[in-house]
Amino acid sequence: MKDLNEDIRALFSESENLVRKEVELFKMDMVEKTAKASGKIVAIVLIVRISIIFLGLLGISLIMLLGRIIGYDIAVYIVTGFFALLCLFLLIYRKRLIVKPFMDHQLGEYLKDQDKKNRERAVNDF
């Protein structure tokens, strides 16, 4: 009877250690995913800011170029209209051009991570 109690205590001790390791692994996984997401957000914000600066300079350049040819007042209206049409196009097709590719990418990353974990578990279980 004493051996059975010792075996049960050893089993509980091993189970407790396993649960602690699983929790620690889960925390590390969450930290890694948070770091990856933060890095992607910073990269996206940086790209958006650079794109805005580029589009602003492009607009000024187009206004100056067209202004010499057709007059500066009309050039401003033409370039502003172009950017307004571009914004309207992006607004109408935002799901197809922005949201869906972003969601597909995020889902692909998640499935890739899950597949990697499943392979590691299969190797460890073997």
N, C-alpha and C. Protein backbone atom coordinates (compact mmCIF):
# COMPACT_ATOMS: atom_id res chain seq x y z
N MET A 1 0.82 -1.19 0.00
CA MET A 1 0.00 0.00 0.00
C MET A 1 0.87 1.26 0.00
N LYS A 2 2.00 1.15 0.71
CA LYS A 2 2.90 2.28 0.80
C LYS A 2 3.51 2.60 -0.57
N ASP A 3 3.82 1.59 -1.35
CA ASP A 3 4.37 1.78 -2.69
C ASP A 3 3.36 2.46 -3.60
N LEU A 4 2.09 2.09 -3.46
CA LEU A 4 1.03 2.70 -4.27
C LEU A 4 0.92 4.19 -3.97
N ASN A 5 0.96 4.56 -2.70
CA ASN A 5 0.90 5.98 -2.32
C ASN A 5 2.10 6.75 -2.87
N GLU A 6 3.27 6.13 -2.80
CA GLU A 6 4.46 6.79 -3.34
C GLU A 6 4.37 6.95 -4.85
N ASP A 7 3.83 5.93 -5.51
CA ASP A 7 3.65 6.01 -6.97
C ASP A 7 2.66 7.12 -7.33
N ILE A 8 1.59 7.22 -6.57
CA ILE A 8 0.58 8.25 -6.83
C ILE A 8 1.19 9.64 -6.60
N ARG A 9 1.94 9.80 -5.53
CA ARG A 9 2.59 11.09 -5.27
C ARG A 9 3.59 11.44 -6.38
N ALA A 10 4.33 10.46 -6.83
CA ALA A 10 5.29 10.70 -7.92
C ALA A 10 4.55 11.09 -9.20
N LEU A 11 3.43 10.43 -9.45
CA LEU A 11 2.62 10.74 -10.64
C LEU A 11 2.08 12.17 -10.56
N PHE A 12 1.57 12.55 -9.38
CA PHE A 12 1.07 13.91 -9.21
C PHE A 12 2.20 14.94 -9.35
N SER A 13 3.35 14.61 -8.84
CA SER A 13 4.50 15.50 -8.94
C SER A 13 4.91 15.69 -10.40
N GLU A 14 4.96 14.61 -11.15
CA GLU A 14 5.30 14.69 -12.57
C GLU A 14 4.23 15.45 -13.34
N SER A 15 2.98 15.23 -13.00
CA SER A 15 1.88 15.94 -13.65
C SER A 15 1.97 17.43 -13.37
N GLU A 16 2.28 17.78 -12.13
CA GLU A 16 2.42 19.18 -11.77
C GLU A 16 3.56 19.83 -12.54
N ASN A 17 4.67 19.14 -12.66
CA ASN A 17 5.80 19.66 -13.42
C ASN A 17 5.44 19.83 -14.90
N LEU A 18 4.71 18.88 -15.43
CA LEU A 18 4.29 18.94 -16.82
C LEU A 18 3.37 20.14 -17.05
N VAL A 19 2.43 20.36 -16.15
CA VAL A 19 1.51 21.49 -16.28
C VAL A 19 2.29 22.81 -16.18
N ARG A 20 3.23 22.90 -15.27
CA ARG A 20 4.04 24.11 -15.14
C ARG A 20 4.84 24.38 -16.42
N LYS A 21 5.40 23.35 -16.99
CA LYS A 21 6.16 23.51 -18.23
C LYS A 21 5.26 23.92 -19.38
N GLU A 22 4.06 23.35 -19.45
CA GLU A 22 3.10 23.72 -20.49
C GLU A 22 2.69 25.18 -20.36
N VAL A 23 2.45 25.62 -19.14
CA VAL A 23 2.08 27.02 -18.90
C VAL A 23 3.23 27.94 -19.29
N GLU A 24 4.45 27.55 -18.93
CA GLU A 24 5.61 28.36 -19.28
C GLU A 24 5.80 28.41 -20.79
N LEU A 25 5.59 27.30 -21.46
CA LEU A 25 5.68 27.25 -22.91
C LEU A 25 4.61 28.12 -23.55
N PHE A 26 3.41 28.09 -23.00
CA PHE A 26 2.31 28.92 -23.51
C PHE A 26 2.66 30.40 -23.35
N LYS A 27 3.21 30.77 -22.20
CA LYS A 27 3.60 32.17 -21.98
C LYS A 27 4.68 32.60 -22.98
N MET A 28 5.65 31.75 -23.19
CA MET A 28 6.72 32.07 -24.13
C MET A 28 6.17 32.21 -25.54
N ASP A 29 5.22 31.35 -25.90
CA ASP A 29 4.59 31.41 -27.21
C ASP A 29 3.82 32.72 -27.37
N MET A 30 3.13 33.14 -26.33
CA MET A 30 2.38 34.40 -26.38
C MET A 30 3.33 35.60 -26.51
N VAL A 31 4.44 35.56 -25.81
CA VAL A 31 5.42 36.64 -25.90
C VAL A 31 5.98 36.71 -27.32
N GLU A 32 6.27 35.56 -27.90
CA GLU A 32 6.80 35.52 -29.26
C GLU A 32 5.79 36.07 -30.25
N LYS A 33 4.54 35.66 -30.13
CA LYS A 33 3.50 36.15 -31.05
C LYS A 33 3.27 37.64 -30.88
N THR A 34 3.32 38.12 -29.64
CA THR A 34 3.15 39.55 -29.39
C THR A 34 4.30 40.34 -30.01
N ALA A 35 5.50 39.82 -29.87
CA ALA A 35 6.66 40.50 -30.45
C ALA A 35 6.57 40.54 -31.98
N LYS A 36 6.15 39.43 -32.58
CA LYS A 36 5.99 39.40 -34.03
C LYS A 36 4.93 40.39 -34.48
N ALA A 37 3.79 40.40 -33.78
CA ALA A 37 2.71 41.32 -34.14
C ALA A 37 3.15 42.77 -33.97
N SER A 38 3.87 43.06 -32.90
CA SER A 38 4.36 44.43 -32.68
C SER A 38 5.32 44.84 -33.79
N GLY A 39 6.19 43.95 -34.18
CA GLY A 39 7.12 44.24 -35.26
C GLY A 39 6.40 44.51 -36.58
N LYS A 40 5.37 43.72 -36.85
CA LYS A 40 4.60 43.92 -38.08
C LYS A 40 3.86 45.25 -38.04
N ILE A 41 3.31 45.61 -36.88
CA ILE A 41 2.58 46.87 -36.76
C ILE A 41 3.53 48.04 -36.97
N VAL A 42 4.70 47.98 -36.38
CA VAL A 42 5.69 49.05 -36.55
C VAL A 42 6.08 49.17 -38.02
N ALA A 43 6.29 48.04 -38.68
CA ALA A 43 6.67 48.06 -40.09
C ALA A 43 5.56 48.66 -40.95
N ILE A 44 4.32 48.28 -40.68
CA ILE A 44 3.19 48.80 -41.45
C ILE A 44 3.04 50.30 -41.24
N VAL A 45 3.16 50.75 -40.00
CA VAL A 45 3.05 52.19 -39.71
C VAL A 45 4.17 52.95 -40.43
N LEU A 46 5.36 52.42 -40.42
CA LEU A 46 6.49 53.07 -41.09
C LEU A 46 6.26 53.14 -42.60
N ILE A 47 5.80 52.06 -43.18
CA ILE A 47 5.53 52.03 -44.62
C ILE A 47 4.42 53.02 -44.97
N VAL A 48 3.38 53.10 -44.15
CA VAL A 48 2.29 54.04 -44.41
C VAL A 48 2.79 55.48 -44.34
N ARG A 49 3.60 55.78 -43.35
CA ARG A 49 4.13 57.15 -43.23
C ARG A 49 5.02 57.51 -44.42
N ILE A 50 5.88 56.61 -44.83
CA ILE A 50 6.74 56.87 -45.98
C ILE A 50 5.89 57.02 -47.25
N SER A 51 4.85 56.21 -47.39
CA SER A 51 3.97 56.31 -48.54
C SER A 51 3.24 57.65 -48.57
N ILE A 52 2.80 58.12 -47.42
CA ILE A 52 2.12 59.42 -47.36
C ILE A 52 3.07 60.54 -47.79
N ILE A 53 4.29 60.49 -47.30
CA ILE A 53 5.28 61.50 -47.70
C ILE A 53 5.54 61.43 -49.20
N PHE A 54 5.69 60.21 -49.72
CA PHE A 54 5.92 60.02 -51.15
C PHE A 54 4.75 60.57 -51.97
N LEU A 55 3.52 60.23 -51.57
CA LEU A 55 2.36 60.71 -52.32
C LEU A 55 2.24 62.24 -52.25
N GLY A 56 2.57 62.82 -51.10
CA GLY A 56 2.55 64.28 -50.99
C GLY A 56 3.54 64.93 -51.93
N LEU A 57 4.75 64.41 -51.94
CA LEU A 57 5.77 64.95 -52.84
C LEU A 57 5.42 64.71 -54.31
N LEU A 58 4.83 63.57 -54.59
CA LEU A 58 4.39 63.28 -55.95
C LEU A 58 3.31 64.26 -56.38
N GLY A 59 2.37 64.53 -55.47
CA GLY A 59 1.31 65.50 -55.78
C GLY A 59 1.87 66.88 -56.04
N ILE A 60 2.80 67.32 -55.22
CA ILE A 60 3.42 68.64 -55.42
C ILE A 60 4.16 68.68 -56.76
N SER A 61 4.87 67.61 -57.07
CA SER A 61 5.59 67.55 -58.34
C SER A 61 4.65 67.60 -59.53
N LEU A 62 3.55 66.84 -59.43
CA LEU A 62 2.58 66.85 -60.53
C LEU A 62 1.94 68.23 -60.68
N ILE A 63 1.64 68.88 -59.57
CA ILE A 63 1.06 70.23 -59.64
C ILE A 63 2.04 71.18 -60.31
N MET A 64 3.30 71.10 -59.95
CA MET A 64 4.29 72.00 -60.56
C MET A 64 4.46 71.70 -62.04
N LEU A 65 4.46 70.42 -62.40
CA LEU A 65 4.61 70.05 -63.80
C LEU A 65 3.40 70.48 -64.63
N LEU A 66 2.22 70.14 -64.15
CA LEU A 66 1.01 70.52 -64.88
C LEU A 66 0.76 72.02 -64.82
N GLY A 67 1.20 72.65 -63.74
CA GLY A 67 1.00 74.09 -63.59
C GLY A 67 1.69 74.89 -64.67
N ARG A 68 2.83 74.45 -65.10
CA ARG A 68 3.55 75.14 -66.17
C ARG A 68 2.82 75.00 -67.51
N ILE A 69 2.13 73.86 -67.65
CA ILE A 69 1.48 73.59 -68.93
C ILE A 69 0.08 74.21 -68.99
N ILE A 70 -0.75 73.95 -67.97
CA ILE A 70 -2.15 74.38 -68.04
C ILE A 70 -2.55 75.40 -67.00
N GLY A 71 -1.65 75.81 -66.17
CA GLY A 71 -1.96 76.79 -65.13
C GLY A 71 -2.03 76.10 -63.78
N TYR A 72 -1.58 76.80 -62.77
CA TYR A 72 -1.46 76.19 -61.43
C TYR A 72 -2.81 75.93 -60.77
N ASP A 73 -3.80 76.82 -61.00
CA ASP A 73 -5.12 76.62 -60.38
C ASP A 73 -5.76 75.32 -60.87
N ILE A 74 -5.74 75.12 -62.16
CA ILE A 74 -6.35 73.92 -62.73
C ILE A 74 -5.54 72.68 -62.35
N ALA A 75 -4.24 72.81 -62.31
CA ALA A 75 -3.38 71.68 -61.94
C ALA A 75 -3.68 71.21 -60.52
N VAL A 76 -3.91 72.13 -59.61
CA VAL A 76 -4.25 71.75 -58.24
C VAL A 76 -5.54 70.96 -58.21
N TYR A 77 -6.54 71.43 -58.98
CA TYR A 77 -7.83 70.72 -59.01
C TYR A 77 -7.69 69.33 -59.62
N ILE A 78 -6.89 69.22 -60.66
CA ILE A 78 -6.71 67.92 -61.32
C ILE A 78 -6.02 66.93 -60.39
N VAL A 79 -4.93 67.33 -59.76
CA VAL A 79 -4.19 66.44 -58.87
C VAL A 79 -5.04 66.08 -57.65
N THR A 80 -5.76 67.06 -57.09
CA THR A 80 -6.64 66.79 -55.95
C THR A 80 -7.74 65.81 -56.35
N GLY A 81 -8.29 66.00 -57.54
CA GLY A 81 -9.32 65.08 -58.04
C GLY A 81 -8.78 63.67 -58.22
N PHE A 82 -7.54 63.58 -58.72
CA PHE A 82 -6.91 62.26 -58.87
C PHE A 82 -6.77 61.55 -57.53
N PHE A 83 -6.28 62.28 -56.53
CA PHE A 83 -6.12 61.67 -55.21
C PHE A 83 -7.47 61.35 -54.57
N ALA A 84 -8.49 62.17 -54.85
CA ALA A 84 -9.83 61.88 -54.34
C ALA A 84 -10.38 60.60 -54.98
N LEU A 85 -10.16 60.44 -56.30
CA LEU A 85 -10.59 59.21 -56.97
C LEU A 85 -9.83 57.99 -56.44
N LEU A 86 -8.55 58.18 -56.18
CA LEU A 86 -7.75 57.09 -55.61
C LEU A 86 -8.30 56.68 -54.24
N CYS A 87 -8.62 57.66 -53.40
CA CYS A 87 -9.19 57.37 -52.07
C CYS A 87 -10.55 56.69 -52.20
N LEU A 88 -11.37 57.16 -53.13
CA LEU A 88 -12.69 56.55 -53.35
C LEU A 88 -12.54 55.10 -53.81
N PHE A 89 -11.59 54.86 -54.73
CA PHE A 89 -11.33 53.50 -55.20
C PHE A 89 -10.91 52.60 -54.04
N LEU A 90 -9.99 53.09 -53.21
CA LEU A 90 -9.54 52.29 -52.06
C LEU A 90 -10.67 52.08 -51.06
N LEU A 91 -11.53 53.07 -50.90
CA LEU A 91 -12.66 52.93 -49.98
C LEU A 91 -13.64 51.88 -50.48
N ILE A 92 -13.91 51.89 -51.77
CA ILE A 92 -14.87 50.93 -52.33
C ILE A 92 -14.32 49.51 -52.30
N TYR A 93 -13.05 49.35 -52.67
CA TYR A 93 -12.45 48.02 -52.78
C TYR A 93 -11.53 47.68 -51.61
N ARG A 94 -11.75 48.31 -50.45
CA ARG A 94 -10.86 48.09 -49.31
C ARG A 94 -10.87 46.65 -48.81
N LYS A 95 -12.03 46.00 -48.85
CA LYS A 95 -12.09 44.61 -48.38
C LYS A 95 -11.26 43.71 -49.29
N ARG A 96 -11.38 43.90 -50.58
CA ARG A 96 -10.68 43.04 -51.53
C ARG A 96 -9.18 43.36 -51.59
N LEU A 97 -8.83 44.63 -51.47
CA LEU A 97 -7.43 45.03 -51.65
C LEU A 97 -6.63 45.08 -50.35
N ILE A 98 -7.30 45.33 -49.22
CA ILE A 98 -6.57 45.53 -47.98
C ILE A 98 -6.95 44.49 -46.92
N VAL A 99 -8.23 44.39 -46.61
CA VAL A 99 -8.66 43.56 -45.49
C VAL A 99 -8.45 42.07 -45.77
N LYS A 100 -8.93 41.59 -46.92
CA LYS A 100 -8.83 40.16 -47.22
C LYS A 100 -7.39 39.67 -47.31
N PRO A 101 -6.49 40.36 -48.03
CA PRO A 101 -5.09 39.89 -48.05
C PRO A 101 -4.45 39.90 -46.66
N PHE A 102 -4.77 40.91 -45.85
CA PHE A 102 -4.21 40.97 -44.50
C PHE A 102 -4.72 39.81 -43.67
N MET A 103 -6.02 39.53 -43.73
CA MET A 103 -6.59 38.41 -42.97
C MET A 103 -6.03 37.08 -43.46
N ASP A 104 -5.91 36.92 -44.77
CA ASP A 104 -5.34 35.68 -45.31
C ASP A 104 -3.90 35.48 -44.83
N HIS A 105 -3.15 36.57 -44.80
CA HIS A 105 -1.76 36.48 -44.34
C HIS A 105 -1.72 36.08 -42.86
N GLN A 106 -2.54 36.73 -42.03
CA GLN A 106 -2.57 36.43 -40.61
C GLN A 106 -3.00 34.98 -40.37
N LEU A 107 -4.04 34.54 -41.08
CA LEU A 107 -4.51 33.16 -40.93
C LEU A 107 -3.44 32.17 -41.38
N GLY A 108 -2.75 32.50 -42.46
CA GLY A 108 -1.65 31.64 -42.94
C GLY A 108 -0.54 31.52 -41.92
N GLU A 109 -0.19 32.64 -41.28
CA GLU A 109 0.84 32.62 -40.23
C GLU A 109 0.39 31.75 -39.06
N TYR A 110 -0.87 31.88 -38.66
CA TYR A 110 -1.40 31.10 -37.55
C TYR A 110 -1.37 29.61 -37.89
N LEU A 111 -1.83 29.25 -39.09
CA LEU A 111 -1.85 27.84 -39.49
C LEU A 111 -0.43 27.29 -39.61
N LYS A 112 0.50 28.13 -40.07
CA LYS A 112 1.89 27.68 -40.17
C LYS A 112 2.45 27.40 -38.78
N ASP A 113 2.14 28.27 -37.82
CA ASP A 113 2.58 28.06 -36.44
C ASP A 113 1.97 26.79 -35.85
N GLN A 114 0.68 26.59 -36.10
CA GLN A 114 0.00 25.40 -35.59
C GLN A 114 0.59 24.13 -36.20
N ASP A 115 0.87 24.17 -37.51
CA ASP A 115 1.46 23.01 -38.18
C ASP A 115 2.85 22.71 -37.62
N LYS A 116 3.61 23.76 -37.35
CA LYS A 116 4.95 23.57 -36.78
C LYS A 116 4.86 22.94 -35.39
N LYS A 117 3.91 23.40 -34.58
CA LYS A 117 3.72 22.83 -33.24
C LYS A 117 3.30 21.37 -33.33
N ASN A 118 2.38 21.07 -34.24
CA ASN A 118 1.92 19.69 -34.39
C ASN A 118 3.06 18.77 -34.81
N ARG A 119 3.93 19.25 -35.69
CA ARG A 119 5.07 18.43 -36.11
C ARG A 119 6.04 18.21 -34.95
N GLU A 120 6.28 19.26 -34.16
CA GLU A 120 7.18 19.13 -33.00
C GLU A 120 6.60 18.14 -31.99
N ARG A 121 5.32 18.22 -31.76
CA ARG A 121 4.69 17.29 -30.81
C ARG A 121 4.74 15.86 -31.33
N ALA A 122 4.56 15.70 -32.65
CA ALA A 122 4.61 14.35 -33.22
C ALA A 122 6.01 13.77 -33.08
N VAL A 123 7.02 14.60 -33.28
CA VAL A 123 8.41 14.13 -33.15
C VAL A 123 8.69 13.81 -31.68
N ASN A 124 8.22 14.67 -30.77
CA ASN A 124 8.46 14.41 -29.34
C ASN A 124 7.69 13.19 -28.86
N ASP A 125 6.51 12.96 -29.38
CA ASP A 125 5.72 11.80 -28.98
C ASP A 125 6.29 10.50 -29.53
N PHE A 126 6.99 10.60 -30.65
CA PHE A 126 7.56 9.42 -31.28
C PHE A 126 8.72 8.96 -30.45
